[in-house]
Amino acid sequence: MRNNEIGIIKLFSLKSWSYFELLNIFLLSYL
């Protein structure tokens, strides 16, 4: 159960603030 909670928290954090950072990483990888 703890692993599921951690996964949900990670998904929430990714959706909340890492979305823009993911775009930046994609742009940097293309450069």
PDB file of N, CA and C in Angstrom:
ATOM      1  N   MET A   1       0.834  -1.206   0.000  1.00  0.00           N
ATOM      2  CA  MET A   1       0.000   0.000   0.000  1.00  0.00           C
ATOM      3  C   MET A   1       0.870   1.257   0.000  1.00  0.00           C
ATOM      4  N   ARG A   2       1.986   1.206   0.706  1.00  0.00           N
ATOM      5  CA  ARG A   2       2.843   2.399   0.754  1.00  0.00           C
ATOM      6  C   ARG A   2       3.402   2.710  -0.625  1.00  0.00           C
ATOM      7  N   ASN A   3       3.786   1.675  -1.378  1.00  0.00           N
ATOM      8  CA  ASN A   3       4.328   1.896  -2.714  1.00  0.00           C
ATOM      9  C   ASN A   3       3.288   2.572  -3.599  1.00  0.00           C
ATOM     10  N   ASN A   4       2.029   2.146  -3.500  1.00  0.00           N
ATOM     11  CA  ASN A   4       0.975   2.771  -4.289  1.00  0.00           C
ATOM     12  C   ASN A   4       0.817   4.238  -3.921  1.00  0.00           C
ATOM     13  N   GLU A   5       0.862   4.541  -2.616  1.00  0.00           N
ATOM     14  CA  GLU A   5       0.730   5.932  -2.176  1.00  0.00           C
ATOM     15  C   GLU A   5       1.870   6.768  -2.725  1.00  0.00           C
ATOM     16  N   ILE A   6       3.099   6.229  -2.686  1.00  0.00           N
ATOM     17  CA  ILE A   6       4.259   6.969  -3.197  1.00  0.00           C
ATOM     18  C   ILE A   6       4.093   7.202  -4.691  1.00  0.00           C
ATOM     19  N   GLY A   7       3.608   6.185  -5.423  1.00  0.00           N
ATOM     20  CA  GLY A   7       3.393   6.326  -6.862  1.00  0.00           C
ATOM     21  C   GLY A   7       2.376   7.409  -7.157  1.00  0.00           C
ATOM     22  N   ILE A   8       1.281   7.441  -6.378  1.00  0.00           N
ATOM     23  CA  ILE A   8       0.253   8.468  -6.575  1.00  0.00           C
ATOM     24  C   ILE A   8       0.835   9.847  -6.305  1.00  0.00           C
ATOM     25  N   ILE A   9       1.615   9.975  -5.228  1.00  0.00           N
ATOM     26  CA  ILE A   9       2.229  11.269  -4.899  1.00  0.00           C
ATOM     27  C   ILE A   9       3.157  11.700  -6.025  1.00  0.00           C
ATOM     28  N   LYS A  10       3.937  10.745  -6.575  1.00  0.00           N
ATOM     29  CA  LYS A  10       4.851  11.084  -7.671  1.00  0.00           C
ATOM     30  C   LYS A  10       4.057  11.550  -8.884  1.00  0.00           C
ATOM     31  N   LEU A  11       2.952  10.857  -9.199  1.00  0.00           N
ATOM     32  CA  LEU A  11       2.129  11.254 -10.343  1.00  0.00           C
ATOM     33  C   LEU A  11       1.575  12.658 -10.122  1.00  0.00           C
ATOM     34  N   PHE A  12       1.100  12.938  -8.902  1.00  0.00           N
ATOM     35  CA  PHE A  12       0.556  14.263  -8.604  1.00  0.00           C
ATOM     36  C   PHE A  12       1.624  15.332  -8.763  1.00  0.00           C
ATOM     37  N   SER A  13       2.818  15.073  -8.226  1.00  0.00           N
ATOM     38  CA  SER A  13       3.898  16.063  -8.311  1.00  0.00           C
ATOM     39  C   SER A  13       4.292  16.271  -9.765  1.00  0.00           C
ATOM     40  N   LEU A  14       4.333  15.186 -10.561  1.00  0.00           N
ATOM     41  CA  LEU A  14       4.689  15.316 -11.978  1.00  0.00           C
ATOM     42  C   LEU A  14       3.653  16.168 -12.690  1.00  0.00           C
ATOM     43  N   LYS A  15       2.354  15.911 -12.408  1.00  0.00           N
ATOM     44  CA  LYS A  15       1.300  16.656 -13.089  1.00  0.00           C
ATOM     45  C   LYS A  15       1.246  18.105 -12.627  1.00  0.00           C
ATOM     46  N   SER A  16       1.673  18.371 -11.384  1.00  0.00           N
ATOM     47  CA  SER A  16       1.523  19.720 -10.836  1.00  0.00           C
ATOM     48  C   SER A  16       2.647  20.656 -11.249  1.00  0.00           C
ATOM     49  N   TRP A  17       3.931  20.225 -11.158  1.00  0.00           N
ATOM     50  CA  TRP A  17       4.994  21.196 -11.430  1.00  0.00           C
ATOM     51  C   TRP A  17       6.063  20.702 -12.397  1.00  0.00           C
ATOM     52  N   SER A  18       6.189  19.384 -12.595  1.00  0.00           N
ATOM     53  CA  SER A  18       7.267  18.892 -13.466  1.00  0.00           C
ATOM     54  C   SER A  18       6.868  18.897 -14.941  1.00  0.00           C
ATOM     55  N   TYR A  19       5.612  19.305 -15.228  1.00  0.00           N
ATOM     56  CA  TYR A  19       5.161  19.315 -16.627  1.00  0.00           C
ATOM     57  C   TYR A  19       6.025  20.241 -17.463  1.00  0.00           C
ATOM     58  N   PHE A  20       6.244  21.466 -16.965  1.00  0.00           N
ATOM     59  CA  PHE A  20       7.068  22.435 -17.693  1.00  0.00           C
ATOM     60  C   PHE A  20       8.512  21.971 -17.754  1.00  0.00           C
ATOM     61  N   GLU A  21       9.002  21.368 -16.670  1.00  0.00           N
ATOM     62  CA  GLU A  21      10.387  20.877 -16.658  1.00  0.00           C
ATOM     63  C   GLU A  21      10.559  19.750 -17.672  1.00  0.00           C
ATOM     64  N   LEU A  22       9.536  18.904 -17.843  1.00  0.00           N
ATOM     65  CA  LEU A  22       9.613  17.841 -18.849  1.00  0.00           C
ATOM     66  C   LEU A  22       9.741  18.449 -20.237  1.00  0.00           C
ATOM     67  N   LEU A  23       8.985  19.531 -20.500  1.00  0.00           N
ATOM     68  CA  LEU A  23       9.092  20.212 -21.794  1.00  0.00           C
ATOM     69  C   LEU A  23      10.501  20.744 -21.983  1.00  0.00           C
ATOM     70  N   ASN A  24      11.068  21.352 -20.939  1.00  0.00           N
ATOM     71  CA  ASN A  24      12.440  21.874 -21.029  1.00  0.00           C
ATOM     72  C   ASN A  24      13.431  20.752 -21.314  1.00  0.00           C
ATOM     73  N   ILE A  25      13.254  19.612 -20.666  1.00  0.00           N
ATOM     74  CA  ILE A  25      14.158  18.469 -20.889  1.00  0.00           C
ATOM     75  C   ILE A  25      14.059  17.999 -22.334  1.00  0.00           C
ATOM     76  N   PHE A  26      12.835  17.946 -22.879  1.00  0.00           N
ATOM     77  CA  PHE A  26      12.675  17.525 -24.272  1.00  0.00           C
ATOM     78  C   PHE A  26      13.361  18.505 -25.201  1.00  0.00           C
ATOM     79  N   LEU A  27      13.198  19.810 -24.922  1.00  0.00           N
ATOM     80  CA  LEU A  27      13.840  20.828 -25.769  1.00  0.00           C
ATOM     81  C   LEU A  27      15.355  20.692 -25.696  1.00  0.00           C
ATOM     82  N   LEU A  28      15.894  20.498 -24.494  1.00  0.00           N
ATOM     83  CA  LEU A  28      17.350  20.359 -24.336  1.00  0.00           C
ATOM     84  C   LEU A  28      17.851  19.109 -25.059  1.00  0.00           C
ATOM     85  N   SER A  29      17.086  18.029 -24.983  1.00  0.00           N
ATOM     86  CA  SER A  29      17.518  16.787 -25.643  1.00  0.00           C
ATOM     87  C   SER A  29      17.524  16.973 -27.158  1.00  0.00           C
ATOM     88  N   TYR A  30      16.564  17.754 -27.679  1.00  0.00           N
ATOM     89  CA  TYR A  30      16.534  17.992 -29.123  1.00  0.00           C
ATOM     90  C   TYR A  30      17.673  18.908 -29.542  1.00  0.00           C
ATOM     91  N   LEU A  31      18.054  19.844 -28.664  1.00  0.00           N
ATOM     92  CA  LEU A  31      19.178  20.733 -28.978  1.00  0.00           C
ATOM     93  C   LEU A  31      20.470  19.928 -28.914  1.00  0.00           C
TER      94      LEU A  31
END
